[in-house]
Amino acid sequence: MDIAKRFTQNPLIQPEDILASVQGAEVECLLNPGVFKFEGKTYLLMRVAERMKQREGYLSTLVVDPTKEGGVSIVEFALDDPKLCYDDARVFSYDGKTYLTTLSHLRLAESEDCINFKVQPKPLLLGLGEYEDFGMEDCRVTQMGELYILTYTAVSEYGPAVGKITTRDWKTFTRDGIMLAPPNKDCAIFEEIIDDKFWCLHRPVVKVDSWSELNIWLASSSDMEHWGNHICLAKTRPGMWDSQRIGAGAAPIRTEQGWLEIYHGCDETSRYCLGALLLDLSDPRKVIARSEEPIMEPLEKYEQQGFFGNVVFTNGHLVDGDCLTLYYGASDTVICAADLSIKEILQTLLS
């Protein structure tokens, strides 16, 4: 049951529209942006994944290096080196150390009409320090008054962690460091204080041997710095569209019926769809309803074919009355948008 009305202009932004930030690299993927309004314009804070152009017989990649001009270094290994293990397009290891084949940063794109975007020529935010030396990914943007709170995936050899940055003017940034220790990601902070506390959704990775749990959790904080009272809010469901992993999208949306959260889920075939959770307004620990079927599925060619196919994935949206505009990544390659009716989503949950 796909109820999304995709923009006819999709894809809105493609890799060929973006200048690489490092000489000798190319933009491999554009992925699910955080979204916000500022001074009358719509902004996308995109994850841009760059990859070195490969030379024959070698595998090279980029890593964060604040000592270098541009903030990155290139590492290269011979393909016939027995210490190299390379059997995945996204990750490899050398002498027991893990590397990503791409390095991601966060870059802004701006628009006056929510459709046509101008992409800044340089990254807005690059990884910094040992907890981000494999880059920054999948930023969510929460606005509370004039304060913008960025939660993102900080990637390093320690695994994915949740980093937090704040800004008021999008020129100066306060880096608050690691908000939730690894392995954790998909963190979205509510845009209102509830019961005198801040709240966030997040997704820890629980692994025991070959068994793992990839569920949506909820936490609260009195100061937005120290998070606790963690509970598992929603679990994967065997045999359903979200059987393998689930994770939060952007900040939940206040409706009369409850907090509406758009989330992603995938099945055994790694097909990513979108669904919805409805949480109690006064106590978000209580789940009122949940999508039995996806509200959006990878149906279009640009959603089915790409770097990692059959994916629709969002962590950014705009709300205008009943209209929910989702900006989403398709097949880990391009940026797209679609409109949904909040009333219609609620009807699928409460009928």
Protein backbone atom coordinates (compact mmCIF):
# COMPACT_ATOMS: atom_id res chain seq x y z
CA MET A 1 0.00 0.00 0.00
CA ASP A 2 2.05 2.89 -1.28
CA ILE A 3 0.32 6.23 -0.62
CA ALA A 4 3.22 8.53 -1.55
CA LYS A 5 2.88 11.06 -4.36
CA ARG A 6 6.36 11.31 -5.81
CA PHE A 7 7.60 14.54 -7.32
CA THR A 8 7.54 14.37 -11.11
CA GLN A 9 10.96 16.05 -11.07
CA ASN A 10 12.58 13.08 -9.26
CA PRO A 11 15.46 12.52 -8.86
CA LEU A 12 15.99 16.06 -7.59
CA ILE A 13 19.75 15.72 -7.10
CA GLN A 14 22.10 13.14 -8.65
CA PRO A 15 25.81 12.36 -8.11
CA GLU A 16 26.75 14.04 -11.37
CA ASP A 17 25.32 17.31 -10.02
CA ILE A 18 27.92 17.39 -7.24
CA LEU A 19 31.57 18.42 -7.33
CA ALA A 20 33.89 16.08 -5.46
CA SER A 21 35.65 17.73 -2.53
CA VAL A 22 38.93 15.82 -3.00
CA GLN A 23 41.11 15.82 -6.12
CA GLY A 24 41.10 12.37 -7.70
CA ALA A 25 37.79 11.40 -6.09
CA GLU A 26 34.29 11.12 -7.49
CA VAL A 27 30.86 11.35 -5.90
CA GLU A 28 29.60 7.78 -5.64
CA CYS A 29 26.34 8.26 -3.73
CA LEU A 30 23.93 10.84 -2.38
CA LEU A 31 21.94 9.70 0.61
CA ASN A 32 18.94 10.69 2.71
CA PRO A 33 19.27 14.33 3.84
CA GLY A 34 18.27 16.13 6.99
CA VAL A 35 15.80 18.91 6.13
CA PHE A 36 15.14 22.34 7.62
CA LYS A 37 13.86 25.83 6.88
CA PHE A 38 16.09 28.84 7.45
CA GLU A 39 15.53 32.48 6.44
CA GLY A 40 12.72 31.55 4.07
CA LYS A 41 14.58 28.83 2.17
CA THR A 42 14.47 25.04 2.27
CA TYR A 43 17.77 23.30 2.95
CA LEU A 44 18.87 19.71 2.58
CA LEU A 45 21.85 18.56 4.63
CA MET A 46 22.89 15.64 2.45
CA ARG A 47 25.23 12.80 3.04
CA VAL A 48 27.70 12.85 0.14
CA ALA A 49 29.78 9.71 -0.25
CA GLU A 50 33.00 10.09 -2.25
CA ARG A 51 35.25 7.37 -3.60
CA MET A 52 38.74 7.54 -5.01
CA LYS A 53 39.12 6.77 -8.69
CA GLN A 54 40.85 3.40 -8.63
CA ARG A 55 44.07 2.57 -10.42
CA GLU A 56 44.62 -0.90 -11.78
CA GLY A 57 45.87 -3.43 -9.27
CA TYR A 58 45.15 -1.32 -6.20
CA LEU A 59 42.32 -0.49 -3.81
CA SER A 60 42.33 3.02 -2.39
CA THR A 61 40.02 4.90 -0.08
CA LEU A 62 39.73 8.16 1.86
CA VAL A 63 40.03 8.63 5.61
CA VAL A 64 39.63 11.73 7.75
CA ASP A 65 42.98 13.37 8.56
CA PRO A 66 42.78 16.86 10.13
CA THR A 67 46.54 17.32 9.60
CA LYS A 68 46.11 17.32 5.82
CA GLU A 69 44.85 20.11 3.60
CA GLY A 70 41.20 19.39 2.91
CA GLY A 71 40.97 17.25 6.03
CA VAL A 72 41.44 13.85 4.38
CA SER A 73 44.17 11.38 3.44
CA ILE A 74 44.32 8.65 0.82
CA VAL A 75 45.27 5.10 1.79
CA GLU A 76 46.04 2.49 -0.86
CA PHE A 77 46.60 -1.28 -0.84
CA ALA A 78 47.66 -3.76 -3.52
CA LEU A 79 44.83 -6.10 -4.51
CA ASP A 80 47.17 -9.11 -4.35
CA ASP A 81 48.27 -8.32 -0.79
CA PRO A 82 47.20 -11.30 1.36
CA LYS A 83 46.40 -8.94 4.23
CA LEU A 84 43.59 -7.41 2.16
CA CYS A 85 40.05 -8.79 2.50
CA TYR A 86 37.69 -7.22 -0.03
CA ASP A 87 34.36 -8.93 -0.75
CA ASP A 88 31.86 -6.10 -0.21
CA ALA A 89 31.32 -2.94 -2.29
CA ARG A 90 30.89 -0.91 0.90
CA VAL A 91 33.58 -2.15 3.29
CA PHE A 92 36.95 -3.95 3.35
CA SER A 93 39.68 -4.78 5.84
CA TYR A 94 43.45 -4.70 5.77
CA ASP A 95 45.53 -6.51 8.37
CA GLY A 96 42.45 -6.77 10.59
CA LYS A 97 41.52 -3.06 10.38
CA THR A 98 38.21 -2.12 8.77
CA TYR A 99 37.82 0.62 6.15
CA LEU A 100 34.90 1.96 4.16
CA THR A 101 35.19 2.16 0.38
CA THR A 102 33.65 5.65 0.49
CA LEU A 103 34.04 8.62 2.81
CA SER A 104 30.92 10.63 3.65
CA HIS A 105 30.56 14.27 4.61
CA LEU A 106 27.56 16.57 5.06
CA ARG A 107 26.82 19.16 2.38
CA LEU A 108 24.08 21.75 2.01
CA ALA A 109 21.68 22.24 -0.87
CA GLU A 110 19.27 25.20 -0.85
CA SER A 111 16.00 25.91 -2.64
CA GLU A 112 13.39 28.64 -2.83
CA ASP A 113 10.69 26.36 -4.24
CA CYS A 114 11.41 23.03 -2.45
CA ILE A 115 12.13 21.41 -5.85
CA ASN A 116 15.12 23.01 -7.54
CA PHE A 117 18.20 22.86 -5.34
CA LYS A 118 21.55 24.59 -5.58
CA VAL A 119 24.29 22.49 -4.01
CA GLN A 120 27.16 24.17 -2.21
CA PRO A 121 30.53 23.41 -3.86
CA LYS A 122 32.23 22.36 -0.62
CA PRO A 123 31.30 20.26 2.42
CA LEU A 124 29.60 22.03 5.29
CA LEU A 125 30.77 19.50 7.89
CA LEU A 126 33.61 16.99 7.70
CA GLY A 127 34.53 14.26 10.13
CA LEU A 128 36.81 15.45 12.90
CA GLY A 129 38.77 13.31 15.34
CA GLU A 130 39.14 9.61 15.94
CA TYR A 131 35.41 8.93 16.34
CA GLU A 132 34.64 10.34 12.88
CA ASP A 133 37.66 9.27 10.87
CA PHE A 134 35.46 7.21 8.52
CA GLY A 135 33.12 10.16 8.03
CA MET A 136 29.72 11.60 8.96
CA GLU A 137 26.45 10.06 7.79
CA ASP A 138 22.65 10.35 7.84
CA CYS A 139 22.02 13.63 9.65
CA ARG A 140 18.68 14.46 11.27
CA VAL A 141 17.88 18.11 12.02
CA THR A 142 15.66 19.04 14.97
CA GLN A 143 14.60 22.65 15.52
CA MET A 144 13.72 23.95 18.99
CA GLY A 145 13.10 27.68 18.84
CA GLU A 146 16.13 29.24 17.13
CA LEU A 147 18.36 26.27 17.99
CA TYR A 148 19.05 23.60 15.38
CA ILE A 149 20.21 20.24 16.72
CA LEU A 150 22.04 17.91 14.34
CA THR A 151 22.25 14.23 15.21
CA TYR A 152 24.29 12.11 12.83
CA THR A 153 26.18 8.85 12.53
CA ALA A 154 29.85 9.27 13.44
CA VAL A 155 31.75 6.40 11.82
CA SER A 156 35.14 5.08 12.91
CA GLU A 157 36.99 1.86 13.64
CA TYR A 158 34.97 1.73 16.86
CA GLY A 159 31.76 1.39 14.85
CA PRO A 160 28.84 3.78 14.25
CA ALA A 161 28.01 6.20 17.06
CA VAL A 162 25.60 9.11 17.42
CA GLY A 163 27.24 12.52 17.27
CA LYS A 164 25.56 15.85 18.09
CA ILE A 165 26.18 19.36 16.77
CA THR A 166 24.19 22.55 17.41
CA THR A 167 23.91 25.83 15.55
CA ARG A 168 21.72 28.92 15.43
CA ASP A 169 22.98 30.61 12.28
CA TRP A 170 24.37 27.75 10.12
CA LYS A 171 27.72 29.51 10.13
CA THR A 172 29.08 28.65 13.56
CA PHE A 173 28.73 25.17 15.03
CA THR A 174 29.18 23.68 18.48
CA ARG A 175 30.40 20.10 18.35
CA ASP A 176 29.11 18.28 21.42
CA GLY A 177 30.92 15.03 20.61
CA ILE A 178 29.47 11.56 20.96
CA MET A 179 25.91 11.61 22.29
CA LEU A 180 25.34 7.84 22.24
CA ALA A 181 28.23 5.37 22.22
CA PRO A 182 28.70 2.78 19.47
CA PRO A 183 27.21 0.79 18.03
CA ASN A 184 24.26 3.15 17.61
CA LYS A 185 22.65 5.27 14.90
CA ASP A 186 19.31 6.56 13.51
CA CYS A 187 18.87 9.12 16.28
CA ALA A 188 16.07 11.69 16.09
CA ILE A 189 15.36 14.19 18.89
CA PHE A 190 11.76 15.27 19.52
CA GLU A 191 11.10 18.96 18.83
CA GLU A 192 9.23 19.54 22.10
CA ILE A 193 9.87 18.96 25.79
CA ILE A 194 7.49 16.33 27.20
CA ASP A 195 7.03 15.87 30.93
CA ASP A 196 9.99 18.22 31.58
CA LYS A 197 12.32 15.99 29.56
CA PHE A 198 13.93 15.86 26.16
CA TRP A 199 13.31 12.64 24.22
CA CYS A 200 15.05 10.87 21.37
CA LEU A 201 14.63 7.79 19.24
CA HIS A 202 17.73 5.74 18.49
CA ARG A 203 18.83 2.34 17.20
CA PRO A 204 21.48 0.40 19.14
CA VAL A 205 22.94 -2.67 17.47
CA VAL A 206 22.72 -5.71 19.71
CA LYS A 207 24.84 -8.64 18.49
CA VAL A 208 25.46 -11.98 20.13
CA ASP A 209 27.35 -14.40 17.87
CA SER A 210 25.18 -14.76 14.73
CA TRP A 211 22.09 -13.27 16.39
CA SER A 212 21.36 -9.56 16.27
CA GLU A 213 18.57 -7.16 17.20
CA LEU A 214 18.06 -3.93 15.25
CA ASN A 215 15.11 -2.22 16.92
CA ILE A 216 13.94 1.33 17.67
CA TRP A 217 14.66 2.50 21.22
CA LEU A 218 13.55 5.57 23.18
CA ALA A 219 15.59 7.58 25.69
CA SER A 220 15.09 10.76 27.72
CA SER A 221 17.27 13.49 29.18
CA SER A 222 16.91 16.45 31.51
CA ASP A 223 19.67 18.45 29.81
CA MET A 224 20.10 16.96 26.30
CA GLU A 225 23.59 15.87 27.30
CA HIS A 226 23.01 12.82 29.52
CA TRP A 227 20.59 10.28 28.10
CA GLY A 228 19.01 7.43 30.04
CA ASN A 229 15.81 5.54 30.84
CA HIS A 230 16.25 3.58 27.60
CA ILE A 231 13.41 1.33 26.50
CA CYS A 232 12.84 -0.77 23.39
CA LEU A 233 9.97 1.01 21.68
CA ALA A 234 9.40 -1.12 18.56
CA LYS A 235 10.85 -4.44 17.42
CA THR A 236 11.35 -6.09 14.04
CA ARG A 237 8.47 -8.37 13.04
CA PRO A 238 9.23 -11.83 11.56
CA GLY A 239 7.62 -12.47 8.20
CA MET A 240 6.71 -8.83 7.61
CA TRP A 241 8.15 -5.97 5.57
CA ASP A 242 10.23 -4.81 8.56
CA SER A 243 11.50 -8.21 9.68
CA GLN A 244 15.26 -7.58 9.61
CA ARG A 245 15.90 -4.06 10.87
CA ILE A 246 14.05 -0.85 11.66
CA GLY A 247 15.17 2.69 12.43
CA ALA A 248 13.77 6.15 13.04
CA GLY A 249 13.40 8.77 10.36
CA ALA A 250 13.23 12.46 11.29
CA ALA A 251 11.82 14.02 14.47
CA PRO A 252 8.28 12.82 15.29
CA ILE A 253 5.42 15.04 14.16
CA ARG A 254 2.82 16.27 16.65
CA THR A 255 -0.75 15.42 15.61
CA GLU A 256 -4.01 15.45 17.58
CA GLN A 257 -3.90 11.66 17.70
CA GLY A 258 -0.29 11.39 18.88
CA TRP A 259 3.34 11.69 17.81
CA LEU A 260 3.65 10.44 14.24
CA GLU A 261 7.03 8.90 13.42
CA ILE A 262 7.97 7.82 9.89
CA TYR A 263 10.47 4.98 10.11
CA HIS A 264 12.32 2.66 7.77
CA GLY A 265 12.33 -1.12 7.79
CA CYS A 266 13.77 -3.87 5.64
CA ASP A 267 13.09 -7.55 5.10
CA GLU A 268 15.28 -10.59 4.43
CA THR A 269 15.97 -9.38 0.89
CA SER A 270 17.26 -5.99 2.19
CA ARG A 271 14.31 -4.19 0.59
CA TYR A 272 13.83 -0.92 2.47
CA CYS A 273 10.34 0.57 2.86
CA LEU A 274 8.77 3.26 5.02
CA GLY A 275 6.07 2.86 7.65
CA ALA A 276 4.69 4.81 10.60
CA LEU A 277 4.46 4.64 14.39
CA LEU A 278 1.94 6.59 16.46
CA LEU A 279 3.05 7.42 20.02
CA ASP A 280 1.12 8.84 22.95
CA LEU A 281 1.38 12.63 23.17
CA SER A 282 1.98 12.82 26.90
CA ASP A 283 3.96 9.59 27.21
CA PRO A 284 5.90 8.65 24.04
CA ARG A 285 6.84 5.33 25.61
CA LYS A 286 3.34 4.13 24.69
CA VAL A 287 2.86 2.92 21.10
CA ILE A 288 -0.74 3.52 19.97
CA ALA A 289 -0.47 2.06 16.48
CA ARG A 290 1.99 0.85 13.85
CA SER A 291 1.88 0.27 10.09
CA GLU A 292 0.94 -3.25 9.10
CA GLU A 293 1.89 -2.48 5.50
CA PRO A 294 4.43 0.06 4.18
CA ILE A 295 3.19 3.53 3.34
CA MET A 296 5.98 3.84 0.76
CA GLU A 297 7.89 1.16 -1.15
CA PRO A 298 10.68 1.18 -3.76
CA LEU A 299 8.55 1.11 -6.90
CA GLU A 300 10.23 3.51 -9.31
CA LYS A 301 13.29 2.58 -11.36
CA TYR A 302 15.45 5.13 -9.52
CA GLU A 303 14.39 3.48 -6.23
CA GLN A 304 15.11 -0.04 -7.44
CA GLN A 305 18.42 0.42 -9.25
CA GLY A 306 21.53 2.10 -7.89
CA PHE A 307 24.50 1.63 -5.57
CA PHE A 308 22.30 -0.41 -3.20
CA GLY A 309 18.97 -1.11 -4.89
CA ASN A 310 15.40 -1.39 -3.63
CA VAL A 311 15.73 1.35 -1.04
CA VAL A 312 13.60 4.29 0.05
CA PHE A 313 15.08 5.84 3.19
CA THR A 314 14.22 9.14 4.85
CA ASN A 315 15.49 11.16 7.77
CA GLY A 316 14.14 14.57 6.77
CA HIS A 317 10.76 16.15 6.06
CA LEU A 318 8.70 19.34 5.99
CA VAL A 319 5.18 19.72 7.35
CA ASP A 320 2.65 22.17 5.89
CA GLY A 321 -0.80 21.56 7.33
CA ASP A 322 -1.85 18.09 6.24
CA CYS A 323 0.97 17.79 3.71
CA LEU A 324 4.07 15.88 4.73
CA THR A 325 6.89 16.31 2.22
CA LEU A 326 9.48 13.58 2.60
CA TYR A 327 12.95 14.09 1.18
CA TYR A 328 14.50 10.68 0.81
CA GLY A 329 17.41 8.74 -0.56
CA ALA A 330 16.63 6.25 -3.33
CA SER A 331 18.84 3.19 -3.83
CA ASP A 332 21.63 4.92 -1.90
CA THR A 333 22.28 6.98 -5.04
CA VAL A 334 19.94 9.94 -5.60
CA ILE A 335 17.85 12.44 -3.60
CA CYS A 336 14.11 12.50 -4.22
CA ALA A 337 10.91 13.87 -2.68
CA ALA A 338 7.32 12.79 -2.20
CA ASP A 339 4.18 14.21 -0.60
CA LEU A 340 1.96 12.27 1.77
CA SER A 341 -1.23 13.22 3.59
CA ILE A 342 -0.82 13.07 7.37
CA LYS A 343 -4.55 12.38 7.67
CA GLU A 344 -4.24 9.46 5.26
CA ILE A 345 -1.26 8.02 7.14
CA LEU A 346 -3.24 8.23 10.39
CA GLN A 347 -6.19 6.50 8.74
CA THR A 348 -3.96 3.57 7.80
CA LEU A 349 -2.88 3.33 11.44
CA LEU A 350 -6.21 3.80 13.19
CA SER A 351 -8.67 2.11 10.83
